[in-house]
Amino acid sequence: APALWYGNADVLARVATVGQAAPGRSEFEPLTFTAFTEASTNDAGQIAFTGEASSFLSPFIPALWTGTPGSTPDDLQLVQRRDDFATNPHFPSDRFNAFFRPSINGAGQIAFQGNTNLNRDGFWVSQPAFEPEPFTLSNIVIEGQPASAPGIGDGVTFGQLNSGFAFNTLGQMVFLANLAGTGITTANDLSLWGYDPQEGLQLVGQEGKPFLVGPGDERMVAGRQ
């Protein structure tokens, strides 16, 4: 059966196998792995991976799991699954529909791109927590929320968020975003943002606006390279 493996040519550990019982939320809806799609590992030997599962209620359940390769299957944990609430302050009724680009850092935090039932993409970070909930979920940004930063006027929102992100051990993130709304055209819609757990979202640069490279060296952002 297809399986997800971790390691190198000398040492391999099987993480999970199609047909194997998959960690879920309730003993009343047992899940079974049906596919694996993307995976990320850290230096501590932990893995985060997206895949699909099935149950007697649904044959297709995209989800995100985490665990330590080489441990028993029971040590795998479900992080998020389809139809879980996509926690965010702007569209609180949205639910997850799919998961992409998992990235686990050295602290065990998992960043990922999610898509909701109303077809809004966004970025989230899941952190290990204590019982009764094994993880806490924070939304970094979601399509349609106001884009608030110095130099950006009212009525501007985040548009497409489909270019991925970078995520580090401090829980900081950087990503490209297309802007939409008042005063936004194809000449200034591309933007680069940073996120810090203490400082929140900050605009790094925007197409069509000056960018200070160094003392006395200011250049115009022309677009993506």
N, C-alpha and C. Protein backbone atom coordinates (compact mmCIF):
# COMPACT_ATOMS: atom_id res chain seq x y z
N ALA A 1 0.85 -1.19 0.00
CA ALA A 1 0.00 0.00 0.00
C ALA A 1 0.88 1.25 0.00
N PRO A 2 0.45 2.33 -0.65
CA PRO A 2 1.21 3.58 -0.60
C PRO A 2 1.42 4.03 0.85
N ALA A 3 2.58 4.62 1.11
CA ALA A 3 2.91 5.04 2.47
C ALA A 3 3.70 6.34 2.45
N LEU A 4 3.75 7.00 3.58
CA LEU A 4 4.56 8.20 3.78
C LEU A 4 5.76 7.80 4.62
N TRP A 5 6.99 8.13 4.11
CA TRP A 5 8.22 7.74 4.78
C TRP A 5 9.03 8.96 5.14
N TYR A 6 9.90 8.78 6.15
CA TYR A 6 10.78 9.86 6.60
C TYR A 6 12.18 9.29 6.78
N GLY A 7 13.22 10.04 6.33
CA GLY A 7 14.58 9.60 6.56
C GLY A 7 15.45 9.82 5.33
N ASN A 8 16.48 8.94 5.20
CA ASN A 8 17.38 9.00 4.06
C ASN A 8 17.58 7.59 3.52
N ALA A 9 18.53 7.45 2.61
CA ALA A 9 18.73 6.16 1.96
C ALA A 9 19.17 5.08 2.95
N ASP A 10 19.77 5.48 4.07
CA ASP A 10 20.28 4.50 5.04
C ASP A 10 19.25 4.14 6.11
N VAL A 11 18.49 5.14 6.54
CA VAL A 11 17.53 4.92 7.62
C VAL A 11 16.19 5.53 7.22
N LEU A 12 15.17 4.69 7.15
CA LEU A 12 13.83 5.16 6.82
C LEU A 12 12.86 4.76 7.92
N ALA A 13 11.93 5.64 8.21
CA ALA A 13 10.88 5.34 9.17
C ALA A 13 9.54 5.58 8.48
N ARG A 14 8.64 4.63 8.61
CA ARG A 14 7.33 4.78 8.02
C ARG A 14 6.45 5.63 8.94
N VAL A 15 5.88 6.67 8.38
CA VAL A 15 5.05 7.58 9.16
C VAL A 15 3.61 7.11 9.19
N ALA A 16 3.08 6.78 8.02
CA ALA A 16 1.69 6.34 7.92
C ALA A 16 1.50 5.61 6.60
N THR A 17 0.46 4.79 6.53
CA THR A 17 0.19 3.96 5.36
C THR A 17 -1.27 4.11 4.96
N VAL A 18 -1.53 4.15 3.65
CA VAL A 18 -2.90 4.15 3.16
C VAL A 18 -3.61 2.88 3.66
N GLY A 19 -4.79 3.07 4.19
CA GLY A 19 -5.54 1.95 4.77
C GLY A 19 -5.39 1.84 6.27
N GLN A 20 -4.40 2.54 6.83
CA GLN A 20 -4.18 2.55 8.28
C GLN A 20 -5.17 3.49 8.95
N ALA A 21 -5.53 3.18 10.18
CA ALA A 21 -6.39 4.07 10.96
C ALA A 21 -5.69 5.41 11.13
N ALA A 22 -6.43 6.49 10.89
CA ALA A 22 -5.89 7.85 10.99
C ALA A 22 -6.44 8.53 12.24
N PRO A 23 -5.58 9.30 12.92
CA PRO A 23 -6.07 10.04 14.09
C PRO A 23 -7.22 10.96 13.70
N GLY A 24 -8.25 10.97 14.51
CA GLY A 24 -9.41 11.82 14.27
C GLY A 24 -9.83 12.56 15.53
N ARG A 25 -11.06 13.01 15.55
CA ARG A 25 -11.57 13.76 16.69
C ARG A 25 -12.43 12.93 17.61
N SER A 26 -13.05 11.90 17.06
CA SER A 26 -14.04 11.16 17.83
C SER A 26 -13.95 9.67 17.54
N GLU A 27 -14.09 8.88 18.58
CA GLU A 27 -14.10 7.43 18.40
C GLU A 27 -15.37 6.98 17.67
N PHE A 28 -16.35 7.87 17.58
CA PHE A 28 -17.60 7.54 16.90
C PHE A 28 -17.51 7.77 15.39
N GLU A 29 -16.41 8.40 14.92
CA GLU A 29 -16.18 8.55 13.49
C GLU A 29 -14.73 8.17 13.19
N PRO A 30 -14.42 6.88 13.17
CA PRO A 30 -13.04 6.47 12.89
C PRO A 30 -12.65 6.85 11.46
N LEU A 31 -11.38 7.31 11.32
CA LEU A 31 -10.86 7.72 10.03
C LEU A 31 -9.84 6.70 9.52
N THR A 32 -9.70 6.65 8.18
CA THR A 32 -8.71 5.79 7.54
C THR A 32 -7.94 6.61 6.52
N PHE A 33 -6.60 6.55 6.56
CA PHE A 33 -5.80 7.27 5.57
C PHE A 33 -6.11 6.75 4.16
N THR A 34 -6.28 7.69 3.20
CA THR A 34 -6.50 7.31 1.81
C THR A 34 -5.46 7.91 0.87
N ALA A 35 -4.76 8.97 1.28
CA ALA A 35 -3.74 9.59 0.42
C ALA A 35 -2.88 10.53 1.25
N PHE A 36 -1.66 10.79 0.75
CA PHE A 36 -0.75 11.78 1.35
C PHE A 36 -0.32 12.75 0.25
N THR A 37 -0.23 14.03 0.60
CA THR A 37 0.02 15.04 -0.44
C THR A 37 1.32 15.83 -0.23
N GLU A 38 1.49 16.50 0.90
CA GLU A 38 2.69 17.31 1.15
C GLU A 38 3.17 17.08 2.57
N ALA A 39 4.49 17.27 2.79
CA ALA A 39 5.05 17.05 4.12
C ALA A 39 6.18 18.03 4.40
N SER A 40 6.42 18.29 5.68
CA SER A 40 7.50 19.16 6.14
C SER A 40 8.08 18.57 7.41
N THR A 41 9.41 18.66 7.57
CA THR A 41 10.06 18.16 8.78
C THR A 41 10.91 19.25 9.41
N ASN A 42 11.26 19.07 10.68
CA ASN A 42 12.17 20.00 11.35
C ASN A 42 13.38 19.24 11.91
N ASP A 43 14.31 19.98 12.51
CA ASP A 43 15.54 19.36 13.01
C ASP A 43 15.31 18.50 14.24
N ALA A 44 14.14 18.63 14.86
CA ALA A 44 13.81 17.83 16.04
C ALA A 44 13.23 16.47 15.66
N GLY A 45 13.11 16.22 14.35
CA GLY A 45 12.59 14.93 13.90
C GLY A 45 11.08 14.86 13.83
N GLN A 46 10.42 16.02 13.89
CA GLN A 46 8.96 16.05 13.79
C GLN A 46 8.53 16.26 12.35
N ILE A 47 7.34 15.84 12.03
CA ILE A 47 6.80 15.98 10.69
C ILE A 47 5.39 16.55 10.75
N ALA A 48 5.04 17.35 9.76
CA ALA A 48 3.66 17.79 9.56
C ALA A 48 3.31 17.43 8.12
N PHE A 49 2.15 16.87 7.91
CA PHE A 49 1.81 16.45 6.55
C PHE A 49 0.31 16.60 6.29
N THR A 50 0.01 16.90 5.02
CA THR A 50 -1.36 16.96 4.58
C THR A 50 -1.70 15.66 3.86
N GLY A 51 -2.97 15.34 3.85
CA GLY A 51 -3.41 14.13 3.18
C GLY A 51 -4.92 14.06 3.19
N GLU A 52 -5.40 12.87 2.92
CA GLU A 52 -6.85 12.66 2.87
C GLU A 52 -7.20 11.41 3.67
N ALA A 53 -8.40 11.44 4.21
CA ALA A 53 -8.91 10.29 4.96
C ALA A 53 -10.36 10.06 4.56
N SER A 54 -10.89 8.93 4.98
CA SER A 54 -12.29 8.64 4.75
C SER A 54 -12.90 8.12 6.04
N SER A 55 -14.23 8.19 6.10
CA SER A 55 -14.98 7.64 7.23
C SER A 55 -16.32 7.15 6.71
N PHE A 56 -17.12 6.56 7.58
CA PHE A 56 -18.43 6.11 7.14
C PHE A 56 -19.36 7.28 6.83
N LEU A 57 -18.96 8.50 7.26
CA LEU A 57 -19.77 9.69 6.98
C LEU A 57 -19.35 10.37 5.68
N SER A 58 -18.07 10.25 5.29
CA SER A 58 -17.57 10.93 4.11
C SER A 58 -16.39 10.16 3.51
N PRO A 59 -16.35 10.01 2.17
CA PRO A 59 -15.22 9.31 1.55
C PRO A 59 -14.03 10.23 1.29
N PHE A 60 -14.19 11.54 1.54
CA PHE A 60 -13.13 12.50 1.19
C PHE A 60 -13.01 13.55 2.29
N ILE A 61 -11.95 13.42 3.11
CA ILE A 61 -11.73 14.35 4.22
C ILE A 61 -10.28 14.83 4.17
N PRO A 62 -10.01 15.96 3.50
CA PRO A 62 -8.66 16.54 3.57
C PRO A 62 -8.34 16.94 5.01
N ALA A 63 -7.08 16.77 5.40
CA ALA A 63 -6.71 17.07 6.78
C ALA A 63 -5.20 17.32 6.89
N LEU A 64 -4.82 17.77 8.08
CA LEU A 64 -3.42 18.05 8.42
C LEU A 64 -3.10 17.30 9.70
N TRP A 65 -1.99 16.52 9.67
CA TRP A 65 -1.56 15.75 10.83
C TRP A 65 -0.12 16.09 11.20
N THR A 66 0.29 15.70 12.39
CA THR A 66 1.67 15.86 12.81
C THR A 66 2.08 14.68 13.68
N GLY A 67 3.39 14.48 13.83
CA GLY A 67 3.89 13.39 14.65
C GLY A 67 5.39 13.31 14.58
N THR A 68 5.94 12.26 15.15
CA THR A 68 7.39 12.02 15.15
C THR A 68 7.66 10.71 14.43
N PRO A 69 8.29 10.75 13.26
CA PRO A 69 8.58 9.51 12.52
C PRO A 69 9.35 8.51 13.39
N GLY A 70 8.98 7.25 13.28
CA GLY A 70 9.61 6.22 14.08
C GLY A 70 8.86 5.92 15.35
N SER A 71 7.93 6.81 15.73
CA SER A 71 7.09 6.53 16.89
C SER A 71 5.92 5.66 16.44
N THR A 72 5.10 5.25 17.36
CA THR A 72 3.96 4.41 17.00
C THR A 72 2.90 5.25 16.30
N PRO A 73 2.06 4.63 15.46
CA PRO A 73 1.00 5.39 14.80
C PRO A 73 0.10 6.13 15.76
N ASP A 74 -0.06 5.59 16.98
CA ASP A 74 -0.91 6.25 17.96
C ASP A 74 -0.36 7.62 18.37
N ASP A 75 0.92 7.88 18.11
CA ASP A 75 1.51 9.17 18.47
C ASP A 75 1.22 10.25 17.45
N LEU A 76 0.69 9.88 16.28
CA LEU A 76 0.27 10.89 15.31
C LEU A 76 -0.93 11.64 15.86
N GLN A 77 -1.03 12.93 15.51
CA GLN A 77 -2.14 13.75 15.97
C GLN A 77 -2.79 14.49 14.81
N LEU A 78 -4.09 14.59 14.85
CA LEU A 78 -4.82 15.41 13.90
C LEU A 78 -4.72 16.87 14.32
N VAL A 79 -4.31 17.73 13.40
CA VAL A 79 -4.21 19.16 13.68
C VAL A 79 -5.49 19.87 13.25
N GLN A 80 -5.86 19.73 11.99
CA GLN A 80 -7.10 20.30 11.47
C GLN A 80 -7.64 19.38 10.39
N ARG A 81 -8.95 19.42 10.18
CA ARG A 81 -9.58 18.62 9.14
C ARG A 81 -10.66 19.44 8.45
N ARG A 82 -11.08 18.95 7.31
CA ARG A 82 -12.17 19.60 6.58
C ARG A 82 -13.38 19.76 7.49
N ASP A 83 -14.03 20.93 7.38
CA ASP A 83 -15.23 21.32 8.13
C ASP A 83 -14.92 21.84 9.53
N ASP A 84 -13.65 21.79 9.98
CA ASP A 84 -13.31 22.52 11.21
C ASP A 84 -13.45 24.01 10.94
N PHE A 85 -13.80 24.78 11.96
CA PHE A 85 -13.88 26.22 11.79
C PHE A 85 -12.50 26.79 11.45
N ALA A 86 -12.45 27.62 10.41
CA ALA A 86 -11.21 28.27 9.99
C ALA A 86 -11.05 29.55 10.81
N THR A 87 -10.60 29.39 12.03
CA THR A 87 -10.52 30.48 13.00
C THR A 87 -9.93 31.74 12.39
N ASN A 88 -10.73 32.81 12.37
CA ASN A 88 -10.26 34.13 11.94
C ASN A 88 -11.30 35.16 12.37
N PRO A 89 -10.87 36.40 12.65
CA PRO A 89 -11.81 37.41 13.17
C PRO A 89 -12.67 38.07 12.10
N HIS A 90 -12.39 37.82 10.83
CA HIS A 90 -13.07 38.54 9.76
C HIS A 90 -14.24 37.75 9.17
N PHE A 91 -14.10 36.44 9.09
CA PHE A 91 -15.14 35.59 8.53
C PHE A 91 -15.31 34.38 9.46
N PRO A 92 -15.89 34.60 10.65
CA PRO A 92 -15.89 33.56 11.69
C PRO A 92 -16.70 32.31 11.35
N SER A 93 -17.56 32.38 10.35
CA SER A 93 -18.36 31.21 10.01
C SER A 93 -17.69 30.31 8.96
N ASP A 94 -16.57 30.77 8.39
CA ASP A 94 -15.86 29.96 7.40
C ASP A 94 -15.35 28.66 8.02
N ARG A 95 -15.38 27.61 7.22
CA ARG A 95 -14.84 26.32 7.64
C ARG A 95 -13.77 25.87 6.63
N PHE A 96 -12.82 25.09 7.11
CA PHE A 96 -11.76 24.61 6.23
C PHE A 96 -12.31 23.65 5.18
N ASN A 97 -11.77 23.80 3.97
CA ASN A 97 -12.12 22.91 2.87
C ASN A 97 -10.91 22.09 2.41
N ALA A 98 -9.69 22.70 2.49
CA ALA A 98 -8.47 22.02 2.04
C ALA A 98 -7.26 22.64 2.72
N PHE A 99 -6.13 21.91 2.67
CA PHE A 99 -4.89 22.33 3.33
C PHE A 99 -3.71 22.16 2.37
N PHE A 100 -2.77 23.13 2.41
CA PHE A 100 -1.62 23.11 1.51
C PHE A 100 -0.38 23.61 2.24
N ARG A 101 0.79 23.29 1.70
CA ARG A 101 2.08 23.85 2.09
C ARG A 101 2.33 23.81 3.62
N PRO A 102 2.24 22.65 4.26
CA PRO A 102 2.57 22.61 5.69
C PRO A 102 4.04 22.93 5.91
N SER A 103 4.35 23.65 6.99
CA SER A 103 5.74 23.99 7.34
C SER A 103 5.86 23.94 8.85
N ILE A 104 6.64 22.99 9.37
CA ILE A 104 6.82 22.86 10.81
C ILE A 104 8.18 23.40 11.21
N ASN A 105 8.22 24.28 12.21
CA ASN A 105 9.48 24.88 12.63
C ASN A 105 10.06 24.13 13.83
N GLY A 106 11.21 24.62 14.33
CA GLY A 106 11.89 23.93 15.41
C GLY A 106 11.15 23.93 16.72
N ALA A 107 10.17 24.82 16.87
CA ALA A 107 9.36 24.88 18.09
C ALA A 107 8.12 24.00 18.00
N GLY A 108 7.97 23.31 16.87
CA GLY A 108 6.79 22.46 16.70
C GLY A 108 5.56 23.21 16.21
N GLN A 109 5.72 24.50 15.89
CA GLN A 109 4.62 25.26 15.33
C GLN A 109 4.44 24.89 13.86
N ILE A 110 3.20 24.81 13.42
CA ILE A 110 2.92 24.40 12.05
C ILE A 110 2.19 25.52 11.33
N ALA A 111 2.83 26.06 10.30
CA ALA A 111 2.18 27.04 9.43
C ALA A 111 1.64 26.31 8.22
N PHE A 112 0.51 26.78 7.71
CA PHE A 112 -0.06 26.15 6.52
C PHE A 112 -0.98 27.12 5.80
N GLN A 113 -1.18 26.83 4.53
CA GLN A 113 -2.18 27.55 3.74
C GLN A 113 -3.45 26.74 3.76
N GLY A 114 -4.57 27.43 4.00
CA GLY A 114 -5.85 26.76 3.99
C GLY A 114 -6.80 27.42 3.01
N ASN A 115 -7.76 26.65 2.57
CA ASN A 115 -8.84 27.17 1.72
C ASN A 115 -10.15 26.86 2.42
N THR A 116 -11.07 27.83 2.42
CA THR A 116 -12.31 27.65 3.17
C THR A 116 -13.48 27.25 2.25
N ASN A 117 -14.60 26.94 2.87
CA ASN A 117 -15.77 26.52 2.12
C ASN A 117 -16.33 27.64 1.24
N LEU A 118 -15.93 28.89 1.48
CA LEU A 118 -16.33 30.01 0.63
C LEU A 118 -15.19 30.44 -0.29
N ASN A 119 -14.25 29.52 -0.48
CA ASN A 119 -13.13 29.69 -1.42
C ASN A 119 -12.23 30.88 -1.08
N ARG A 120 -12.00 31.07 0.21
CA ARG A 120 -11.04 32.09 0.65
C ARG A 120 -9.76 31.38 1.10
N ASP A 121 -8.63 31.79 0.52
CA ASP A 121 -7.34 31.27 0.96
C ASP A 121 -6.80 32.11 2.10
N GLY A 122 -5.99 31.50 2.93
CA GLY A 122 -5.36 32.22 4.02
C GLY A 122 -4.20 31.43 4.58
N PHE A 123 -3.48 32.05 5.52
CA PHE A 123 -2.38 31.39 6.21
C PHE A 123 -2.69 31.31 7.70
N TRP A 124 -2.40 30.16 8.29
CA TRP A 124 -2.65 29.93 9.71
C TRP A 124 -1.39 29.34 10.36
N VAL A 125 -1.31 29.48 11.68
CA VAL A 125 -0.25 28.83 12.46
C VAL A 125 -0.91 28.07 13.59
N SER A 126 -0.56 26.79 13.71
CA SER A 126 -1.06 25.94 14.78
C SER A 126 0.08 25.68 15.76
N GLN A 127 -0.21 25.86 17.06
CA GLN A 127 0.82 25.69 18.07
C GLN A 127 0.45 24.57 19.04
N PRO A 128 1.44 23.80 19.49
CA PRO A 128 1.16 22.79 20.51
C PRO A 128 0.58 23.45 21.75
N ALA A 129 -0.40 22.79 22.35
CA ALA A 129 -1.04 23.34 23.55
C ALA A 129 -1.34 22.21 24.51
N PHE A 130 -1.85 22.57 25.68
CA PHE A 130 -2.18 21.57 26.69
C PHE A 130 -3.62 21.10 26.51
N GLU A 131 -3.93 20.00 27.16
CA GLU A 131 -5.30 19.50 27.11
C GLU A 131 -6.27 20.55 27.66
N PRO A 132 -7.55 20.56 27.25
CA PRO A 132 -8.18 19.50 26.45
C PRO A 132 -7.94 19.61 24.95
N GLU A 133 -7.46 20.76 24.46
CA GLU A 133 -7.18 20.90 23.04
C GLU A 133 -5.69 20.76 22.80
N PRO A 134 -5.28 19.87 21.88
CA PRO A 134 -3.85 19.65 21.66
C PRO A 134 -3.17 20.77 20.88
N PHE A 135 -3.96 21.62 20.20
CA PHE A 135 -3.39 22.69 19.39
C PHE A 135 -4.24 23.96 19.52
N THR A 136 -3.57 25.11 19.41
CA THR A 136 -4.27 26.38 19.30
C THR A 136 -4.00 26.94 17.91
N LEU A 137 -4.99 27.57 17.31
CA LEU A 137 -4.91 28.00 15.93
C LEU A 137 -5.00 29.52 15.85
N SER A 138 -4.06 30.11 15.09
CA SER A 138 -4.05 31.57 14.87
C SER A 138 -4.07 31.84 13.38
N ASN A 139 -4.96 32.74 12.95
CA ASN A 139 -5.00 33.15 11.55
C ASN A 139 -4.06 34.32 11.35
N ILE A 140 -3.20 34.23 10.35
CA ILE A 140 -2.27 35.30 10.02
C ILE A 140 -2.92 36.29 9.06
N VAL A 141 -3.55 35.77 8.02
CA VAL A 141 -4.19 36.61 7.02
C VAL A 141 -5.16 35.75 6.23
N ILE A 142 -6.23 36.37 5.72
CA ILE A 142 -7.19 35.66 4.89
C ILE A 142 -7.67 36.59 3.79
N GLU A 143 -7.90 36.05 2.62
CA GLU A 143 -8.37 36.85 1.50
C GLU A 143 -9.66 37.57 1.87
N GLY A 144 -9.70 38.86 1.54
CA GLY A 144 -10.89 39.65 1.81
C GLY A 144 -10.81 40.51 3.05
N GLN A 145 -9.81 40.25 3.92
CA GLN A 145 -9.70 41.09 5.11
C GLN A 145 -9.05 42.42 4.74
N PRO A 146 -9.32 43.49 5.51
CA PRO A 146 -8.69 44.79 5.22
C PRO A 146 -7.18 44.71 5.28
N ALA A 147 -6.51 45.35 4.33
CA ALA A 147 -5.05 45.44 4.31
C ALA A 147 -4.68 46.77 4.95
N SER A 148 -4.28 46.71 6.19
CA SER A 148 -4.03 47.93 6.96
C SER A 148 -2.53 48.15 7.16
N ALA A 149 -2.04 49.26 6.65
CA ALA A 149 -0.62 49.61 6.80
C ALA A 149 -0.44 51.06 6.38
N PRO A 150 0.59 51.75 6.89
CA PRO A 150 0.86 53.12 6.46
C PRO A 150 1.02 53.19 4.94
N GLY A 151 0.35 54.15 4.32
CA GLY A 151 0.44 54.32 2.88
C GLY A 151 -0.60 53.57 2.09
N ILE A 152 -1.36 52.71 2.76
CA ILE A 152 -2.45 52.00 2.10
C ILE A 152 -3.77 52.61 2.57
N GLY A 153 -4.57 53.07 1.62
CA GLY A 153 -5.79 53.78 1.96
C GLY A 153 -6.92 52.86 2.39
N ASP A 154 -8.03 53.48 2.78
CA ASP A 154 -9.22 52.72 3.16
C ASP A 154 -9.78 52.00 1.94
N GLY A 155 -10.45 50.91 2.18
CA GLY A 155 -11.10 50.17 1.11
C GLY A 155 -10.19 49.21 0.38
N VAL A 156 -8.97 48.98 0.89
CA VAL A 156 -8.05 48.03 0.27
C VAL A 156 -8.08 46.72 1.07
N THR A 157 -8.17 45.62 0.37
CA THR A 157 -8.22 44.32 1.02
C THR A 157 -7.16 43.39 0.43
N PHE A 158 -6.91 42.30 1.14
CA PHE A 158 -6.02 41.26 0.62
C PHE A 158 -6.76 40.48 -0.46
N GLY A 159 -6.12 40.37 -1.64
CA GLY A 159 -6.68 39.57 -2.71
C GLY A 159 -6.06 38.19 -2.70
N GLN A 160 -5.52 37.75 -3.82
CA GLN A 160 -4.99 36.39 -3.92
C GLN A 160 -3.78 36.17 -3.01
N LEU A 161 -3.80 35.04 -2.32
CA LEU A 161 -2.70 34.62 -1.45
C LEU A 161 -2.26 33.23 -1.89
N ASN A 162 -1.78 33.13 -3.11
CA ASN A 162 -1.47 31.80 -3.64
C ASN A 162 -0.01 31.62 -4.02
N SER A 163 0.86 32.47 -3.45
CA SER A 163 2.29 32.38 -3.80
C SER A 163 3.13 31.73 -2.71
N GLY A 164 2.47 31.18 -1.69
CA GLY A 164 3.22 30.53 -0.63
C GLY A 164 3.77 31.51 0.40
N PHE A 165 4.63 31.01 1.30
CA PHE A 165 5.16 31.80 2.40
C PHE A 165 6.46 31.18 2.89
N ALA A 166 7.20 31.92 3.70
CA ALA A 166 8.35 31.39 4.43
C ALA A 166 8.07 31.54 5.92
N PHE A 167 8.54 30.57 6.71
CA PHE A 167 8.18 30.50 8.14
C PHE A 167 9.41 30.08 8.92
N ASN A 168 9.71 30.75 10.04
CA ASN A 168 10.92 30.42 10.80
C ASN A 168 10.63 29.97 12.22
N THR A 169 11.71 29.65 12.97
CA THR A 169 11.58 29.10 14.31
C THR A 169 10.98 30.10 15.30
N LEU A 170 11.07 31.38 15.01
CA LEU A 170 10.50 32.41 15.89
C LEU A 170 9.01 32.59 15.64
N GLY A 171 8.46 31.85 14.70
CA GLY A 171 7.05 32.00 14.39
C GLY A 171 6.76 33.17 13.47
N GLN A 172 7.81 33.70 12.84
CA GLN A 172 7.64 34.81 11.91
C GLN A 172 7.38 34.28 10.50
N MET A 173 6.65 35.06 9.72
CA MET A 173 6.26 34.64 8.38
C MET A 173 6.43 35.80 7.42
N VAL A 174 6.74 35.48 6.17
CA VAL A 174 6.78 36.48 5.10
C VAL A 174 6.05 35.89 3.91
N PHE A 175 5.28 36.73 3.21
CA PHE A 175 4.49 36.22 2.09
C PHE A 175 4.16 37.33 1.10
N LEU A 176 3.90 36.93 -0.14
CA LEU A 176 3.43 37.83 -1.18
C LEU A 176 1.91 37.84 -1.19
N ALA A 177 1.33 39.00 -1.48
CA ALA A 177 -0.12 39.10 -1.57
C ALA A 177 -0.50 40.08 -2.67
N ASN A 178 -1.53 39.74 -3.42
CA ASN A 178 -2.13 40.69 -4.34
C ASN A 178 -3.18 41.49 -3.59
N LEU A 179 -3.18 42.79 -3.78
CA LEU A 179 -4.14 43.65 -3.13
C LEU A 179 -5.32 43.92 -4.07
N ALA A 180 -6.43 44.33 -3.50
CA ALA A 180 -7.62 44.65 -4.28
C ALA A 180 -8.35 45.80 -3.60
N GLY A 181 -9.17 46.52 -4.38
CA GLY A 181 -9.98 47.57 -3.78
C GLY A 181 -9.65 48.95 -4.29
N THR A 182 -10.02 49.94 -3.49
CA THR A 182 -9.91 51.34 -3.88
C THR A 182 -8.47 51.73 -4.20
N GLY A 183 -8.25 52.28 -5.40
CA GLY A 183 -6.94 52.78 -5.79
C GLY A 183 -5.94 51.72 -6.21
N ILE A 184 -6.35 50.47 -6.26
CA ILE A 184 -5.43 49.40 -6.62
C ILE A 184 -5.61 49.04 -8.09
N THR A 185 -4.49 49.00 -8.82
CA THR A 185 -4.47 48.62 -10.23
C THR A 185 -3.38 47.57 -10.43
N THR A 186 -3.18 47.16 -11.68
CA THR A 186 -2.12 46.20 -11.97
C THR A 186 -0.73 46.80 -11.78
N ALA A 187 -0.67 48.12 -11.58
CA ALA A 187 0.63 48.78 -11.39
C ALA A 187 1.05 48.82 -9.93
N ASN A 188 0.13 48.50 -9.01
CA ASN A 188 0.49 48.58 -7.58
C ASN A 188 -0.17 47.49 -6.73
N ASP A 189 -0.61 46.40 -7.36
CA ASP A 189 -1.36 45.40 -6.59
C ASP A 189 -0.48 44.37 -5.88
N LEU A 190 0.76 44.19 -6.33
CA LEU A 190 1.63 43.20 -5.70
C LEU A 190 2.29 43.78 -4.45
N SER A 191 2.28 43.01 -3.36
CA SER A 191 2.85 43.49 -2.09
C SER A 191 3.54 42.36 -1.35
N LEU A 192 4.49 42.74 -0.49
CA LEU A 192 5.25 41.80 0.34
C LEU A 192 5.00 42.15 1.80
N TRP A 193 4.60 41.15 2.59
CA TRP A 193 4.23 41.37 3.99
C TRP A 193 5.05 40.48 4.92
N GLY A 194 5.26 40.98 6.13
CA GLY A 194 5.89 40.20 7.17
C GLY A 194 4.95 40.08 8.35
N TYR A 195 5.09 38.98 9.09
CA TYR A 195 4.28 38.78 10.30
C TYR A 195 5.19 38.39 11.44
N ASP A 196 4.96 39.01 12.60
CA ASP A 196 5.68 38.68 13.82
C ASP A 196 4.64 38.45 14.92
N PRO A 197 4.82 37.41 15.76
CA PRO A 197 3.81 37.12 16.78
C PRO A 197 3.54 38.30 17.74
N GLN A 198 4.55 39.15 17.96
CA GLN A 198 4.33 40.30 18.84
C GLN A 198 3.89 41.56 18.08
N GLU A 199 4.43 41.75 16.88
CA GLU A 199 4.17 42.98 16.13
C GLU A 199 3.00 42.86 15.15
N GLY A 200 2.59 41.66 14.82
CA GLY A 200 1.50 41.47 13.88
C GLY A 200 1.95 41.64 12.44
N LEU A 201 1.01 41.99 11.56
CA LEU A 201 1.30 42.16 10.15
C LEU A 201 1.96 43.50 9.87
N GLN A 202 2.96 43.49 8.99
CA GLN A 202 3.61 44.73 8.57
C GLN A 202 3.89 44.67 7.07
N LEU A 203 3.64 45.78 6.39
CA LEU A 203 3.93 45.88 4.97
C LEU A 203 5.43 46.09 4.78
N VAL A 204 6.05 45.23 3.99
CA VAL A 204 7.49 45.33 3.71
C VAL A 204 7.72 46.16 2.45
N GLY A 205 6.95 45.90 1.42
CA GLY A 205 7.10 46.64 0.17
C GLY A 205 5.89 46.46 -0.70
N GLN A 206 5.66 47.45 -1.58
CA GLN A 206 4.53 47.39 -2.49
C GLN A 206 4.95 47.84 -3.87
N GLU A 207 4.48 47.15 -4.87
CA GLU A 207 4.74 47.52 -6.26
C GLU A 207 4.31 48.97 -6.51
N GLY A 208 5.22 49.71 -7.19
CA GLY A 208 4.90 51.10 -7.52
C GLY A 208 5.24 52.10 -6.44
N LYS A 209 5.82 51.62 -5.33
CA LYS A 209 6.20 52.52 -4.23
C LYS A 209 7.70 52.41 -3.96
N PRO A 210 8.30 53.47 -3.42
CA PRO A 210 9.74 53.43 -3.15
C PRO A 210 10.09 52.49 -2.02
N PHE A 211 11.31 51.92 -2.10
CA PHE A 211 11.79 50.99 -1.08
C PHE A 211 13.22 51.39 -0.72
N LEU A 212 13.48 51.59 0.56
CA LEU A 212 14.82 52.00 1.02
C LEU A 212 15.71 50.78 1.12
N VAL A 213 16.65 50.66 0.19
CA VAL A 213 17.58 49.53 0.18
C VAL A 213 18.70 49.75 1.20
N GLY A 214 19.17 50.99 1.33
CA GLY A 214 20.22 51.35 2.27
C GLY A 214 20.32 52.86 2.34
N PRO A 215 21.20 53.38 3.19
CA PRO A 215 21.34 54.83 3.32
C PRO A 215 21.57 55.50 1.97
N GLY A 216 20.68 56.40 1.61
CA GLY A 216 20.80 57.13 0.35
C GLY A 216 20.48 56.32 -0.89
N ASP A 217 19.96 55.12 -0.73
CA ASP A 217 19.67 54.25 -1.87
C ASP A 217 18.20 53.83 -1.83
N GLU A 218 17.37 54.65 -2.44
CA GLU A 218 15.94 54.37 -2.49
C GLU A 218 15.56 53.98 -3.92
N ARG A 219 14.85 52.88 -4.06
CA ARG A 219 14.50 52.38 -5.39
C ARG A 219 12.99 52.12 -5.46
N MET A 220 12.48 52.10 -6.69
CA MET A 220 11.07 51.84 -6.91
C MET A 220 10.84 50.35 -7.08
N VAL A 221 9.86 49.82 -6.38
CA VAL A 221 9.50 48.42 -6.53
C VAL A 221 8.74 48.27 -7.85
N ALA A 222 9.28 47.46 -8.76
CA ALA A 222 8.72 47.36 -10.10
C ALA A 222 7.85 46.13 -10.28
N GLY A 223 8.01 45.12 -9.44
CA GLY A 223 7.22 43.91 -9.59
C GLY A 223 7.99 42.70 -9.11
N ARG A 224 7.51 41.55 -9.49
CA ARG A 224 8.09 40.29 -9.03
C ARG A 224 9.18 39.82 -9.97
N GLN A 225 10.28 39.29 -9.40
CA GLN A 225 11.36 38.73 -10.19
C GLN A 225 11.34 37.20 -10.07
